[in-house]
Amino acid sequence: MDSTQITLAVINAQQGDELAFNSLCNCLYKPSFLFAMKLSKQTDLAKDITQEAWAVVAKDIRKLKEPSVFKAWLFRVVYHKFIDTTRQSRGYESFQLGKHEQIRDITSSNEQSIDLLKLINNLPDSERHSIYLFYLEQMSISDIALITDVAVGTVKSRLHRARAQLALWLNE
């Protein structure tokens, strides 16, 4: 489903079309779960966060004034459910990488393989989340700002700091 189809499905879902809402779920449930998984690092917790987020979406979809930002809004709901959950539990494990998610990069100086996602995992949470959303979910800076509830300039700063730190680690 492309962004235009998502927007049309949101408009229809806002008018009570259950098939349109189901098509949104079919299209975006897995990406929202994977985002919850990246945040929580625990499968069961990610399932709970995703379920709670979609319950909010089902309840509040009519309140969404800009249907074109549905995906960012959904990811923001997931992000806020994660924040609520971590405030309650006060802790979570480190980011676990799946074998299918590994990105390899070969440095020209020593031709050794580097697992870039392991380096990304070492970034502070706010920078890691921004990098994930920007590069892996291919979201715009303004969407990331909406999701993380910070200014656009803050997202740009986080991305800049993360890139600089990754470049430093890659050159070591």
C-alpha atoms as a PDB file:
ATOM      1  CA  MET A   1       0.000   0.000   0.000  1.00  0.00           C
ATOM      2  CA  ASP A   2       1.481   3.354  -0.967  1.00  0.00           C
ATOM      3  CA  SER A   3       0.971   6.597   0.953  1.00  0.00           C
ATOM      4  CA  THR A   4      -1.981   7.688  -1.206  1.00  0.00           C
ATOM      5  CA  GLN A   5      -3.768   4.390  -0.660  1.00  0.00           C
ATOM      6  CA  ILE A   6      -3.089   4.618   3.070  1.00  0.00           C
ATOM      7  CA  THR A   7      -4.530   8.142   3.164  1.00  0.00           C
ATOM      8  CA  LEU A   8      -7.661   7.021   1.302  1.00  0.00           C
ATOM      9  CA  ALA A   9      -8.053   4.020   3.602  1.00  0.00           C
ATOM     10  CA  VAL A  10      -7.738   6.311   6.646  1.00  0.00           C
ATOM     11  CA  ILE A  11     -10.420   8.638   5.295  1.00  0.00           C
ATOM     12  CA  ASN A  12     -12.719   5.666   4.701  1.00  0.00           C
ATOM     13  CA  ALA A  13     -11.938   4.198   8.121  1.00  0.00           C
ATOM     14  CA  GLN A  14     -12.732   7.547   9.734  1.00  0.00           C
ATOM     15  CA  GLN A  15     -16.164   7.278   8.134  1.00  0.00           C
ATOM     16  CA  GLY A  16     -16.722   3.850   9.682  1.00  0.00           C
ATOM     17  CA  ASP A  17     -15.544   1.556   6.878  1.00  0.00           C
ATOM     18  CA  GLU A  18     -14.334  -1.588   8.653  1.00  0.00           C
ATOM     19  CA  LEU A  19     -12.753  -3.027   5.509  1.00  0.00           C
ATOM     20  CA  ALA A  20     -10.625   0.108   5.152  1.00  0.00           C
ATOM     21  CA  PHE A  21      -9.507  -0.169   8.774  1.00  0.00           C
ATOM     22  CA  ASN A  22      -8.721  -3.859   8.272  1.00  0.00           C
ATOM     23  CA  SER A  23      -6.610  -3.025   5.218  1.00  0.00           C
ATOM     24  CA  LEU A  24      -4.682  -0.471   7.321  1.00  0.00           C
ATOM     25  CA  CYS A  25      -4.099  -3.161   9.940  1.00  0.00           C
ATOM     26  CA  ASN A  26      -2.964  -5.659   7.310  1.00  0.00           C
ATOM     27  CA  CYS A  27      -0.557  -3.148   5.824  1.00  0.00           C
ATOM     28  CA  LEU A  28       0.873  -1.481   8.935  1.00  0.00           C
ATOM     29  CA  TYR A  29       0.535  -3.949  11.812  1.00  0.00           C
ATOM     30  CA  LYS A  30       3.845  -5.683  11.099  1.00  0.00           C
ATOM     31  CA  PRO A  31       5.868  -2.423  10.745  1.00  0.00           C
ATOM     32  CA  SER A  32       4.312  -1.117  13.969  1.00  0.00           C
ATOM     33  CA  PHE A  33       5.173  -4.389  15.730  1.00  0.00           C
ATOM     34  CA  LEU A  34       8.760  -4.274  14.436  1.00  0.00           C
ATOM     35  CA  PHE A  35       9.080  -0.703  15.706  1.00  0.00           C
ATOM     36  CA  ALA A  36       7.747  -1.796  19.115  1.00  0.00           C
ATOM     37  CA  MET A  37      10.247  -4.656  19.005  1.00  0.00           C
ATOM     38  CA  LYS A  38      13.124  -2.250  18.295  1.00  0.00           C
ATOM     39  CA  LEU A  39      12.060  -0.113  21.214  1.00  0.00           C
ATOM     40  CA  SER A  40      11.245  -2.782  23.785  1.00  0.00           C
ATOM     41  CA  LYS A  41      13.648  -5.539  22.728  1.00  0.00           C
ATOM     42  CA  GLN A  42      11.207  -8.135  24.067  1.00  0.00           C
ATOM     43  CA  THR A  43       8.747 -10.023  21.875  1.00  0.00           C
ATOM     44  CA  ASP A  44       5.951 -10.323  24.423  1.00  0.00           C
ATOM     45  CA  LEU A  45       6.255  -6.692  25.449  1.00  0.00           C
ATOM     46  CA  ALA A  46       6.297  -5.605  21.792  1.00  0.00           C
ATOM     47  CA  LYS A  47       3.119  -7.610  21.168  1.00  0.00           C
ATOM     48  CA  ASP A  48       1.423  -5.908  24.128  1.00  0.00           C
ATOM     49  CA  ILE A  49       2.566  -2.450  23.052  1.00  0.00           C
ATOM     50  CA  THR A  50       1.385  -3.044  19.493  1.00  0.00           C
ATOM     51  CA  GLN A  51      -2.003  -4.329  20.623  1.00  0.00           C
ATOM     52  CA  GLU A  52      -2.499  -1.356  22.940  1.00  0.00           C
ATOM     53  CA  ALA A  53      -1.416   1.061  20.204  1.00  0.00           C
ATOM     54  CA  TRP A  54      -3.873  -0.389  17.693  1.00  0.00           C
ATOM     55  CA  ALA A  55      -6.643  -0.217  20.302  1.00  0.00           C
ATOM     56  CA  VAL A  56      -5.911   3.511  20.617  1.00  0.00           C
ATOM     57  CA  VAL A  57      -5.844   3.863  16.830  1.00  0.00           C
ATOM     58  CA  ALA A  58      -9.224   2.105  16.503  1.00  0.00           C
ATOM     59  CA  LYS A  59     -10.705   4.354  19.164  1.00  0.00           C
ATOM     60  CA  ASP A  60      -9.167   7.656  18.039  1.00  0.00           C
ATOM     61  CA  ILE A  61      -8.830   7.375  14.243  1.00  0.00           C
ATOM     62  CA  ARG A  62     -11.757   9.761  13.770  1.00  0.00           C
ATOM     63  CA  LYS A  63      -9.840  12.429  15.713  1.00  0.00           C
ATOM     64  CA  LEU A  64      -6.916  12.369  13.274  1.00  0.00           C
ATOM     65  CA  LYS A  65      -7.211  15.648  11.386  1.00  0.00           C
ATOM     66  CA  GLU A  66      -4.520  14.965   8.780  1.00  0.00           C
ATOM     67  CA  PRO A  67      -5.038  11.465   7.276  1.00  0.00           C
ATOM     68  CA  SER A  68      -1.815  11.795   5.279  1.00  0.00           C
ATOM     69  CA  VAL A  69       0.253  11.527   8.491  1.00  0.00           C
ATOM     70  CA  PHE A  70      -1.409   8.302   9.652  1.00  0.00           C
ATOM     71  CA  LYS A  71       1.784   6.201   9.656  1.00  0.00           C
ATOM     72  CA  ALA A  72       3.669   8.798  11.688  1.00  0.00           C
ATOM     73  CA  TRP A  73       0.708   9.089  14.058  1.00  0.00           C
ATOM     74  CA  LEU A  74       0.600   5.297  14.450  1.00  0.00           C
ATOM     75  CA  PHE A  75       4.321   5.152  15.202  1.00  0.00           C
ATOM     76  CA  ARG A  76       3.890   7.996  17.685  1.00  0.00           C
ATOM     77  CA  VAL A  77       1.186   6.019  19.488  1.00  0.00           C
ATOM     78  CA  VAL A  78       3.511   2.982  19.579  1.00  0.00           C
ATOM     79  CA  TYR A  79       6.363   5.171  20.857  1.00  0.00           C
ATOM     80  CA  HIS A  80       4.214   6.673  23.616  1.00  0.00           C
ATOM     81  CA  LYS A  81       2.916   3.235  24.655  1.00  0.00           C
ATOM     82  CA  PHE A  82       6.549   2.132  24.913  1.00  0.00           C
ATOM     83  CA  ILE A  83       7.413   5.175  27.041  1.00  0.00           C
ATOM     84  CA  ASP A  84       4.424   4.508  29.316  1.00  0.00           C
ATOM     85  CA  THR A  85       5.420   0.861  29.683  1.00  0.00           C
ATOM     86  CA  THR A  86       9.062   1.612  30.478  1.00  0.00           C
ATOM     87  CA  ARG A  87       8.074   4.222  33.038  1.00  0.00           C
ATOM     88  CA  GLN A  88       5.994   1.566  34.726  1.00  0.00           C
ATOM     89  CA  SER A  89       8.619  -1.172  34.573  1.00  0.00           C
ATOM     90  CA  ARG A  90      11.722   1.075  34.884  1.00  0.00           C
ATOM     91  CA  GLY A  91      14.025  -0.950  32.726  1.00  0.00           C
ATOM     92  CA  TYR A  92      14.478  -3.002  29.609  1.00  0.00           C
ATOM     93  CA  GLU A  93      17.098  -5.206  27.997  1.00  0.00           C
ATOM     94  CA  SER A  94      19.507  -4.223  25.275  1.00  0.00           C
ATOM     95  CA  PHE A  95      18.515  -4.230  21.619  1.00  0.00           C
ATOM     96  CA  GLN A  96      18.631  -7.753  20.210  1.00  0.00           C
ATOM     97  CA  LEU A  97      19.437  -8.014  16.539  1.00  0.00           C
ATOM     98  CA  GLY A  98      17.745 -10.529  14.278  1.00  0.00           C
ATOM     99  CA  LYS A  99      19.859 -12.286  11.695  1.00  0.00           C
ATOM    100  CA  HIS A 100      17.707 -10.817   8.902  1.00  0.00           C
ATOM    101  CA  GLU A 101      18.379  -7.302  10.181  1.00  0.00           C
ATOM    102  CA  GLN A 102      22.151  -7.355  10.004  1.00  0.00           C
ATOM    103  CA  ILE A 103      23.750  -4.810   7.738  1.00  0.00           C
ATOM    104  CA  ARG A 104      27.319  -5.425   6.688  1.00  0.00           C
ATOM    105  CA  ASP A 105      29.823  -2.772   5.737  1.00  0.00           C
ATOM    106  CA  ILE A 106      33.411  -3.371   4.674  1.00  0.00           C
ATOM    107  CA  THR A 107      35.918  -0.722   5.638  1.00  0.00           C
ATOM    108  CA  SER A 108      38.483   0.116   2.992  1.00  0.00           C
ATOM    109  CA  SER A 109      41.355   0.364   5.468  1.00  0.00           C
ATOM    110  CA  ASN A 110      41.299  -3.138   6.894  1.00  0.00           C
ATOM    111  CA  GLU A 111      38.630  -4.954   4.815  1.00  0.00           C
ATOM    112  CA  GLN A 112      37.016  -6.416   7.920  1.00  0.00           C
ATOM    113  CA  SER A 113      33.295  -6.911   8.263  1.00  0.00           C
ATOM    114  CA  ILE A 114      31.469  -4.629  10.688  1.00  0.00           C
ATOM    115  CA  ASP A 115      27.975  -5.160  11.948  1.00  0.00           C
ATOM    116  CA  LEU A 116      26.555  -1.657  11.626  1.00  0.00           C
ATOM    117  CA  LEU A 117      23.439  -2.436  13.638  1.00  0.00           C
ATOM    118  CA  LYS A 118      25.588  -3.458  16.596  1.00  0.00           C
ATOM    119  CA  LEU A 119      27.233  -0.041  16.416  1.00  0.00           C
ATOM    120  CA  ILE A 120      23.835   1.645  16.157  1.00  0.00           C
ATOM    121  CA  ASN A 121      22.820  -0.309  19.255  1.00  0.00           C
ATOM    122  CA  ASN A 122      25.584   1.437  21.199  1.00  0.00           C
ATOM    123  CA  LEU A 123      24.105   4.880  20.490  1.00  0.00           C
ATOM    124  CA  PRO A 124      22.019   6.648  23.153  1.00  0.00           C
ATOM    125  CA  ASP A 125      18.312   5.745  22.924  1.00  0.00           C
ATOM    126  CA  SER A 126      17.133   9.020  21.389  1.00  0.00           C
ATOM    127  CA  GLU A 127      19.782   8.896  18.656  1.00  0.00           C
ATOM    128  CA  ARG A 128      19.248   5.177  18.028  1.00  0.00           C
ATOM    129  CA  HIS A 129      15.487   5.680  17.649  1.00  0.00           C
ATOM    130  CA  SER A 130      16.021   8.572  15.235  1.00  0.00           C
ATOM    131  CA  ILE A 131      18.489   6.569  13.126  1.00  0.00           C
ATOM    132  CA  TYR A 132      16.115   3.588  13.052  1.00  0.00           C
ATOM    133  CA  LEU A 133      13.127   5.661  11.965  1.00  0.00           C
ATOM    134  CA  PHE A 134      15.092   7.670   9.391  1.00  0.00           C
ATOM    135  CA  TYR A 135      17.087   4.905   7.700  1.00  0.00           C
ATOM    136  CA  LEU A 136      15.229   1.671   8.350  1.00  0.00           C
ATOM    137  CA  GLU A 137      11.637   2.957   8.316  1.00  0.00           C
ATOM    138  CA  GLN A 138      12.511   5.716   5.806  1.00  0.00           C
ATOM    139  CA  MET A 139      10.509   8.340   7.650  1.00  0.00           C
ATOM    140  CA  SER A 140      10.968  12.049   7.127  1.00  0.00           C
ATOM    141  CA  ILE A 141      12.563  14.249   9.747  1.00  0.00           C
ATOM    142  CA  SER A 142       9.231  15.968  10.367  1.00  0.00           C
ATOM    143  CA  ASP A 143       7.548  12.589  10.919  1.00  0.00           C
ATOM    144  CA  ILE A 144      10.285  11.569  13.355  1.00  0.00           C
ATOM    145  CA  ALA A 145       9.763  14.857  15.200  1.00  0.00           C
ATOM    146  CA  LEU A 146       6.060  14.093  15.415  1.00  0.00           C
ATOM    147  CA  ILE A 147       6.649  10.543  16.642  1.00  0.00           C
ATOM    148  CA  THR A 148       9.238  11.434  19.285  1.00  0.00           C
ATOM    149  CA  ASP A 149       7.486  14.668  20.255  1.00  0.00           C
ATOM    150  CA  VAL A 150      10.531  16.909  19.749  1.00  0.00           C
ATOM    151  CA  ALA A 151      11.372  19.780  17.413  1.00  0.00           C
ATOM    152  CA  VAL A 152      12.598  19.158  13.869  1.00  0.00           C
ATOM    153  CA  GLY A 153      15.928  20.761  14.783  1.00  0.00           C
ATOM    154  CA  THR A 154      16.338  18.289  17.643  1.00  0.00           C
ATOM    155  CA  VAL A 155      15.848  15.366  15.260  1.00  0.00           C
ATOM    156  CA  LYS A 156      18.422  16.855  12.880  1.00  0.00           C
ATOM    157  CA  SER A 157      20.870  17.260  15.780  1.00  0.00           C
ATOM    158  CA  ARG A 158      20.309  13.680  16.928  1.00  0.00           C
ATOM    159  CA  LEU A 159      20.877  12.350  13.421  1.00  0.00           C
ATOM    160  CA  HIS A 160      24.011  14.481  13.034  1.00  0.00           C
ATOM    161  CA  ARG A 161      25.428  13.321  16.392  1.00  0.00           C
ATOM    162  CA  ALA A 162      24.601   9.700  15.607  1.00  0.00           C
ATOM    163  CA  ARG A 163      26.238   9.855  12.168  1.00  0.00           C
ATOM    164  CA  ALA A 164      29.329  11.520  13.632  1.00  0.00           C
ATOM    165  CA  GLN A 165      29.600   8.898  16.366  1.00  0.00           C
ATOM    166  CA  LEU A 166      29.119   6.038  13.915  1.00  0.00           C
ATOM    167  CA  ALA A 167      31.768   7.513  11.609  1.00  0.00           C
ATOM    168  CA  LEU A 168      34.148   7.762  14.566  1.00  0.00           C
ATOM    169  CA  TRP A 169      33.535   4.146  15.543  1.00  0.00           C
ATOM    170  CA  LEU A 170      33.926   2.959  11.950  1.00  0.00           C
ATOM    171  CA  ASN A 171      37.303   4.741  11.665  1.00  0.00           C
ATOM    172  CA  GLU A 172      38.693   3.179  14.839  1.00  0.00           C
END
